[in-house]
Amino acid sequence: MIKVINSLKNSYKRIIIIFAAVVILAAFAGEAYKNRSWYTVYFENQPVAVTRVKPKKVYEAYGNAKAKLYSEGKGFSEDNIYIEETRTRDNSIEYMGETEIAEAIYTRLDDKEPILTGKTTQIFKYVNPYYVECEYVYDDTMYEDEMMMTQEEAPGTREVTVIETYYNGERHDRRMLETNVITEAVPREVHIGTIKRPEYILPVTDYILTSCFGPRWGTNHNGIDLAVPTGTDVMAAKDGLVIQAGWNGGYGISVYIDHGNGVITRYGHMSESLVSVGQAVKQGDVIGLSGSTGDSTGPHVHFEMREGDVAVDPSKYVSY
């Protein structure tokens, strides 16, 4: 008997819980239904439909209808369309779903008196400048860190023919039909070096080697002599710091450069020094002009390399 009573109590509890859940769900559903919005669609300030279709969809349908009419070559006077939100439905206005709204908009626009019937096309020709891409040339006569522009760019001219299509008095499409070159454009040309830069270079180019390192005239010649015309540019063999510049006894006008690690280069018999003591120079910088000053028998550059204070054969560092 007790078991039967407990069973009935549990059944009543379940019924009460289920009933309460149903009441709560019904209340939420009613509230949600009450909060759903209706939208009234107006054309030319006249209500033409009520719908639950969101305004974004209605405006998309309006845009699609215009695009379709354009593609069919039809012109039209545009309606003033706007949408008003309301919580209640006006039963005197026709209800429309998304498909009906789209069809109604297209039909209404298609039925209106067009401003311009069909389409028009116009062909234009004009001349304009044009440019071409820069051309890069890899040059095996230049060092890797060197770049030189060898040709400036210049614009060319060409005749361009375009066709424009108009619907309803507005340009709808523009396409290029052809281009004809009148004058060719000139590309900018840039040379990029590909040679790995040597650690040391000779101070001059286009020289004649007139004396090597070693014994000469009963004594030791501490460098090499490179014969070049007076006034030839003399270059620094490597980055460094100028430690002597100017008149220097038998060397005549000379320049000494300290390259660090105990290596010093000397440049003698120049006609002019173009650097000063304490000046930092880069490899290839012009440090003076060749000549025949000091103990010299003709215009040349005496090039000498020293490790510490000991003269060494320059062929250890450069090729000649």
Protein backbone atom coordinates (compact mmCIF):
# COMPACT_ATOMS: atom_id res chain seq x y z
CA MET A 1 0.00 0.00 0.00
CA ILE A 2 2.81 2.40 0.88
CA LYS A 3 4.54 1.66 -2.42
CA VAL A 4 1.37 2.52 -4.34
CA ILE A 5 1.03 5.83 -2.49
CA ASN A 6 4.68 6.78 -3.16
CA SER A 7 4.28 5.89 -6.83
CA LEU A 8 1.25 8.17 -7.14
CA LYS A 9 3.15 11.01 -5.43
CA ASN A 10 6.03 10.67 -7.93
CA SER A 11 3.60 10.66 -10.86
CA TYR A 12 1.93 13.85 -9.60
CA LYS A 13 5.37 15.51 -9.28
CA ARG A 14 6.28 14.62 -12.85
CA ILE A 15 2.96 15.95 -14.15
CA ILE A 16 3.46 19.23 -12.29
CA ILE A 17 7.03 19.63 -13.67
CA ILE A 18 5.93 18.94 -17.25
CA PHE A 19 3.01 21.37 -16.93
CA ALA A 20 5.27 24.11 -15.60
CA ALA A 21 7.74 23.60 -18.46
CA VAL A 22 4.93 23.84 -21.02
CA VAL A 23 3.67 27.08 -19.45
CA ILE A 24 7.17 28.61 -19.50
CA LEU A 25 7.79 27.60 -23.15
CA ALA A 26 4.41 28.99 -24.16
CA ALA A 27 5.21 32.28 -22.46
CA PHE A 28 8.56 32.54 -24.27
CA ALA A 29 6.98 31.63 -27.61
CA GLY A 30 4.26 34.22 -27.14
CA GLU A 31 6.80 36.88 -26.26
CA ALA A 32 8.94 35.98 -29.27
CA TYR A 33 5.89 36.05 -31.55
CA LYS A 34 4.84 39.40 -30.12
CA ASN A 35 8.33 40.79 -30.78
CA ARG A 36 8.51 39.66 -34.41
CA SER A 37 8.46 42.66 -36.72
CA TRP A 38 6.35 43.33 -39.78
CA TYR A 39 7.68 45.57 -42.55
CA THR A 40 5.62 47.79 -44.81
CA VAL A 41 7.16 48.39 -48.25
CA TYR A 42 6.44 51.75 -49.93
CA PHE A 43 6.82 52.76 -53.59
CA GLU A 44 6.43 56.45 -54.38
CA ASN A 45 5.13 56.92 -50.80
CA GLN A 46 2.35 54.37 -51.39
CA PRO A 47 2.23 51.15 -49.29
CA VAL A 48 2.26 48.17 -51.64
CA ALA A 49 3.07 45.18 -49.42
CA VAL A 50 3.61 43.95 -45.89
CA THR A 51 6.18 41.26 -45.21
CA ARG A 52 8.43 39.64 -42.68
CA VAL A 53 11.29 39.74 -45.21
CA LYS A 54 14.19 41.73 -43.76
CA PRO A 55 14.82 45.17 -45.32
CA LYS A 56 18.28 44.10 -46.52
CA LYS A 57 16.67 41.39 -48.67
CA VAL A 58 14.11 43.83 -50.08
CA TYR A 59 16.81 46.33 -51.09
CA GLU A 60 18.83 43.49 -52.65
CA ALA A 61 15.79 42.53 -54.70
CA TYR A 62 15.45 46.16 -55.81
CA GLY A 63 19.11 46.26 -56.93
CA ASN A 64 18.80 42.92 -58.72
CA ALA A 65 15.71 44.11 -60.57
CA LYS A 66 17.53 47.21 -61.82
CA ALA A 67 20.52 45.13 -62.93
CA LYS A 68 18.25 42.73 -64.82
CA LEU A 69 16.51 45.59 -66.62
CA TYR A 70 19.91 47.08 -67.54
CA SER A 71 21.05 43.72 -68.94
CA GLU A 72 17.88 43.56 -71.05
CA GLY A 73 18.58 46.98 -72.50
CA LYS A 74 15.61 48.60 -70.81
CA GLY A 75 15.49 52.04 -69.26
CA PHE A 76 13.14 53.23 -66.52
CA SER A 77 12.33 56.00 -64.05
CA GLU A 78 13.46 54.92 -60.62
CA ASP A 79 10.89 54.55 -57.84
CA ASN A 80 11.43 56.03 -54.43
CA ILE A 81 11.45 52.89 -52.27
CA TYR A 82 11.61 52.75 -48.51
CA ILE A 83 10.64 50.35 -45.73
CA GLU A 84 8.90 50.98 -42.41
CA GLU A 85 8.99 48.60 -39.46
CA THR A 86 5.86 47.91 -37.37
CA ARG A 87 4.79 45.45 -34.66
CA THR A 88 1.35 44.91 -36.17
CA ARG A 89 0.21 43.87 -39.61
CA ASP A 90 -2.00 46.09 -41.77
CA ASN A 91 -4.45 43.53 -43.18
CA SER A 92 -5.57 45.96 -45.90
CA ILE A 93 -2.17 45.61 -47.61
CA GLU A 94 -1.18 42.44 -49.46
CA TYR A 95 1.23 40.12 -47.65
CA MET A 96 4.26 39.04 -49.71
CA GLY A 97 7.09 36.59 -49.16
CA GLU A 98 10.63 37.03 -50.49
CA THR A 99 9.87 35.66 -53.99
CA GLU A 100 6.70 37.76 -54.38
CA ILE A 101 8.54 40.91 -53.24
CA ALA A 102 11.28 40.40 -55.87
CA GLU A 103 8.74 39.78 -58.66
CA ALA A 104 6.65 42.78 -57.66
CA ILE A 105 9.64 45.14 -57.68
CA TYR A 106 10.78 43.94 -61.12
CA THR A 107 7.26 44.20 -62.57
CA ARG A 108 6.72 47.68 -61.17
CA LEU A 109 10.01 48.99 -62.56
CA ASP A 110 9.48 47.29 -65.91
CA ASP A 111 6.02 48.81 -66.29
CA LYS A 112 7.14 52.40 -65.72
CA GLU A 113 7.66 54.88 -68.52
CA PRO A 114 11.36 54.78 -69.47
CA ILE A 115 13.57 57.85 -69.63
CA LEU A 116 15.63 56.29 -72.41
CA THR A 117 14.58 53.22 -74.34
CA GLY A 118 17.27 50.67 -75.29
CA LYS A 119 20.97 51.30 -75.05
CA THR A 120 23.55 53.54 -76.74
CA THR A 121 27.23 52.99 -77.39
CA GLN A 122 30.04 55.42 -78.09
CA ILE A 123 33.56 54.75 -79.34
CA PHE A 124 36.42 57.01 -78.26
CA LYS A 125 40.04 57.25 -79.37
CA TYR A 126 42.70 59.04 -77.37
CA VAL A 127 46.48 59.16 -77.13
CA ASN A 128 48.23 58.65 -73.81
CA PRO A 129 51.76 58.00 -72.55
CA TYR A 130 52.86 54.60 -71.31
CA TYR A 131 55.91 53.17 -69.56
CA VAL A 132 57.63 49.79 -69.58
CA GLU A 133 59.29 47.92 -66.72
CA CYS A 134 62.90 48.50 -65.73
CA GLU A 135 65.41 46.11 -67.29
CA TYR A 136 68.15 44.65 -65.08
CA VAL A 137 71.42 43.47 -66.64
CA TYR A 138 73.80 41.28 -64.64
CA ASP A 139 77.26 42.60 -65.45
CA ASP A 140 80.42 40.53 -65.00
CA THR A 141 82.61 43.63 -65.27
CA MET A 142 81.27 45.10 -62.01
CA TYR A 143 81.51 44.08 -58.35
CA GLU A 144 78.57 42.48 -56.52
CA ASP A 145 77.93 45.55 -54.39
CA GLU A 146 77.88 47.89 -57.41
CA MET A 147 74.81 49.02 -59.32
CA MET A 148 74.75 51.53 -62.15
CA MET A 149 71.95 52.99 -64.26
CA THR A 150 73.07 52.92 -67.89
CA GLN A 151 69.89 54.17 -69.55
CA GLU A 152 67.14 56.54 -68.42
CA GLU A 153 63.53 55.59 -69.05
CA ALA A 154 61.43 57.53 -71.54
CA PRO A 155 57.65 57.23 -72.02
CA GLY A 156 56.17 56.02 -75.27
CA THR A 157 52.82 57.05 -76.75
CA ARG A 158 49.92 54.89 -77.89
CA GLU A 159 46.45 55.34 -79.31
CA VAL A 160 43.73 53.65 -77.25
CA THR A 161 40.27 52.80 -78.57
CA VAL A 162 37.48 52.18 -76.04
CA ILE A 163 33.75 51.50 -76.30
CA GLU A 164 31.32 52.78 -73.69
CA THR A 165 27.78 51.44 -73.25
CA TYR A 166 25.03 53.59 -71.74
CA TYR A 167 21.68 52.51 -70.27
CA ASN A 168 19.17 55.04 -69.11
CA GLY A 169 21.62 57.82 -69.79
CA GLU A 170 24.20 56.36 -67.40
CA ARG A 171 27.47 54.64 -68.35
CA HIS A 172 27.10 50.95 -67.64
CA ASP A 173 30.21 49.45 -69.22
CA ARG A 174 33.57 50.52 -70.61
CA ARG A 175 35.88 48.20 -72.54
CA MET A 176 39.18 48.64 -74.36
CA LEU A 177 38.94 47.54 -77.98
CA GLU A 178 42.54 47.97 -79.11
CA THR A 179 45.81 49.83 -78.56
CA ASN A 180 48.28 50.94 -81.21
CA VAL A 181 51.80 52.03 -80.30
CA ILE A 182 52.83 55.32 -81.88
CA THR A 183 56.28 55.64 -80.32
CA GLU A 184 58.04 52.88 -78.36
CA ALA A 185 58.75 53.41 -74.66
CA VAL A 186 62.38 53.17 -73.56
CA PRO A 187 63.00 51.11 -70.42
CA ARG A 188 65.33 52.18 -67.65
CA GLU A 189 68.39 49.94 -67.75
CA VAL A 190 70.30 49.10 -64.58
CA HIS A 191 73.50 47.05 -64.44
CA ILE A 192 74.12 44.89 -61.37
CA GLY A 193 77.63 43.59 -60.67
CA THR A 194 78.30 39.87 -60.33
CA ILE A 195 82.03 39.77 -59.50
CA LYS A 196 83.01 39.09 -55.91
CA ARG A 197 84.96 42.10 -54.71
CA PRO A 198 88.62 41.25 -53.93
CA GLU A 199 90.07 42.10 -50.56
CA TYR A 200 92.62 44.46 -52.20
CA ILE A 201 92.76 46.11 -55.63
CA LEU A 202 95.55 47.80 -57.57
CA PRO A 203 95.55 51.60 -57.34
CA VAL A 204 95.33 52.16 -61.13
CA THR A 205 94.00 50.44 -64.24
CA ASP A 206 95.36 50.40 -67.83
CA TYR A 207 98.95 50.47 -66.55
CA ILE A 208 102.29 49.08 -67.70
CA LEU A 209 104.29 47.19 -65.06
CA THR A 210 107.79 48.71 -65.28
CA SER A 211 109.39 47.37 -62.08
CA CYS A 212 108.61 44.43 -59.78
CA PHE A 213 109.19 43.82 -56.09
CA GLY A 214 112.69 42.66 -55.16
CA PRO A 215 116.34 43.36 -55.97
CA ARG A 216 116.97 46.31 -58.28
CA TRP A 217 120.09 48.37 -59.02
CA GLY A 218 122.01 46.82 -56.16
CA THR A 219 119.28 47.39 -53.57
CA ASN A 220 115.75 46.14 -52.80
CA HIS A 221 112.73 47.66 -54.51
CA ASN A 222 110.01 47.61 -51.85
CA GLY A 223 106.99 47.76 -54.18
CA ILE A 224 105.91 47.70 -57.83
CA ASP A 225 105.92 50.53 -60.35
CA LEU A 226 102.81 51.02 -62.51
CA ALA A 227 103.38 53.41 -65.43
CA VAL A 228 100.36 55.60 -66.25
CA PRO A 229 99.96 59.12 -67.71
CA THR A 230 100.34 62.04 -65.31
CA GLY A 231 97.00 62.98 -63.74
CA THR A 232 95.59 59.43 -63.66
CA ASP A 233 93.28 58.72 -60.71
CA VAL A 234 95.00 56.78 -57.92
CA MET A 235 92.59 54.62 -55.86
CA ALA A 236 92.66 53.23 -52.33
CA ALA A 237 93.42 49.50 -52.43
CA LYS A 238 91.04 48.81 -49.53
CA ASP A 239 89.02 50.59 -46.84
CA GLY A 240 91.25 52.27 -44.29
CA LEU A 241 92.52 55.38 -42.52
CA VAL A 242 94.94 57.88 -44.05
CA ILE A 243 98.04 58.16 -41.84
CA GLN A 244 100.29 60.19 -44.20
CA ALA A 245 99.51 62.59 -47.06
CA GLY A 246 101.77 65.10 -48.80
CA TRP A 247 105.48 65.51 -49.58
CA ASN A 248 107.58 62.58 -48.37
CA GLY A 249 111.23 62.78 -49.50
CA GLY A 250 112.15 60.21 -52.16
CA TYR A 251 108.49 59.12 -52.41
CA GLY A 252 107.63 62.64 -53.60
CA ILE A 253 103.97 63.33 -52.92
CA SER A 254 102.63 60.18 -51.29
CA VAL A 255 99.75 58.73 -49.28
CA TYR A 256 99.90 55.98 -46.65
CA ILE A 257 96.73 54.09 -45.64
CA ASP A 258 96.39 51.88 -42.56
CA HIS A 259 93.98 48.98 -43.29
CA GLY A 260 94.12 47.41 -39.85
CA ASN A 261 95.67 44.11 -38.77
CA GLY A 262 99.10 45.64 -39.36
CA VAL A 263 98.67 46.06 -43.15
CA ILE A 264 99.64 49.44 -44.66
CA THR A 265 99.68 50.50 -48.32
CA ARG A 266 101.86 53.27 -49.75
CA TYR A 267 101.33 55.24 -52.96
CA GLY A 268 104.29 57.30 -54.19
CA HIS A 269 105.45 59.84 -56.82
CA MET A 270 101.97 61.39 -57.22
CA SER A 271 101.44 64.86 -58.66
CA GLU A 272 98.73 65.67 -56.10
CA SER A 273 97.27 64.26 -52.90
CA LEU A 274 93.46 64.52 -52.57
CA VAL A 275 93.12 63.28 -48.98
CA SER A 276 94.31 64.35 -45.55
CA VAL A 277 95.64 62.59 -42.45
CA GLY A 278 92.86 61.09 -40.33
CA GLN A 279 90.46 60.74 -43.25
CA ALA A 280 88.60 57.43 -43.66
CA VAL A 281 88.53 56.09 -47.22
CA LYS A 282 86.74 53.28 -49.01
CA GLN A 283 88.18 50.83 -51.49
CA GLY A 284 88.23 52.51 -54.90
CA ASP A 285 88.10 56.09 -53.54
CA VAL A 286 90.38 58.46 -55.48
CA ILE A 287 93.13 59.52 -53.07
CA GLY A 288 95.42 61.40 -55.50
CA LEU A 289 96.66 61.88 -59.06
CA SER A 290 99.66 60.12 -60.58
CA GLY A 291 102.83 62.01 -61.43
CA SER A 292 106.63 61.86 -61.26
CA THR A 293 107.60 63.62 -58.03
CA GLY A 294 110.47 62.60 -55.77
CA ASP A 295 113.04 60.04 -56.93
CA SER A 296 111.29 59.17 -60.18
CA THR A 297 112.35 58.62 -63.78
CA GLY A 298 108.90 59.11 -65.32
CA PRO A 299 105.18 59.31 -64.58
CA HIS A 300 104.06 56.25 -62.63
CA VAL A 301 102.63 55.08 -59.29
CA HIS A 302 104.87 53.33 -56.81
CA PHE A 303 102.58 50.86 -54.96
CA GLU A 304 103.92 49.33 -51.78
CA MET A 305 102.41 46.97 -49.17
CA ARG A 306 103.75 46.46 -45.66
CA GLU A 307 102.96 44.06 -42.85
CA GLY A 308 103.94 45.91 -39.72
CA ASP A 309 107.04 47.77 -40.89
CA VAL A 310 108.21 45.08 -43.32
CA ALA A 311 107.69 45.51 -47.06
CA VAL A 312 106.09 42.45 -48.71
CA ASP A 313 105.50 41.47 -52.34
CA PRO A 314 102.10 43.01 -53.35
CA SER A 315 101.39 39.81 -55.37
CA LYS A 316 100.50 38.26 -52.00
CA TYR A 317 97.39 40.46 -51.98
CA VAL A 318 96.72 41.53 -55.60
CA SER A 319 97.12 40.12 -59.09
CA TYR A 320 98.99 42.05 -61.76
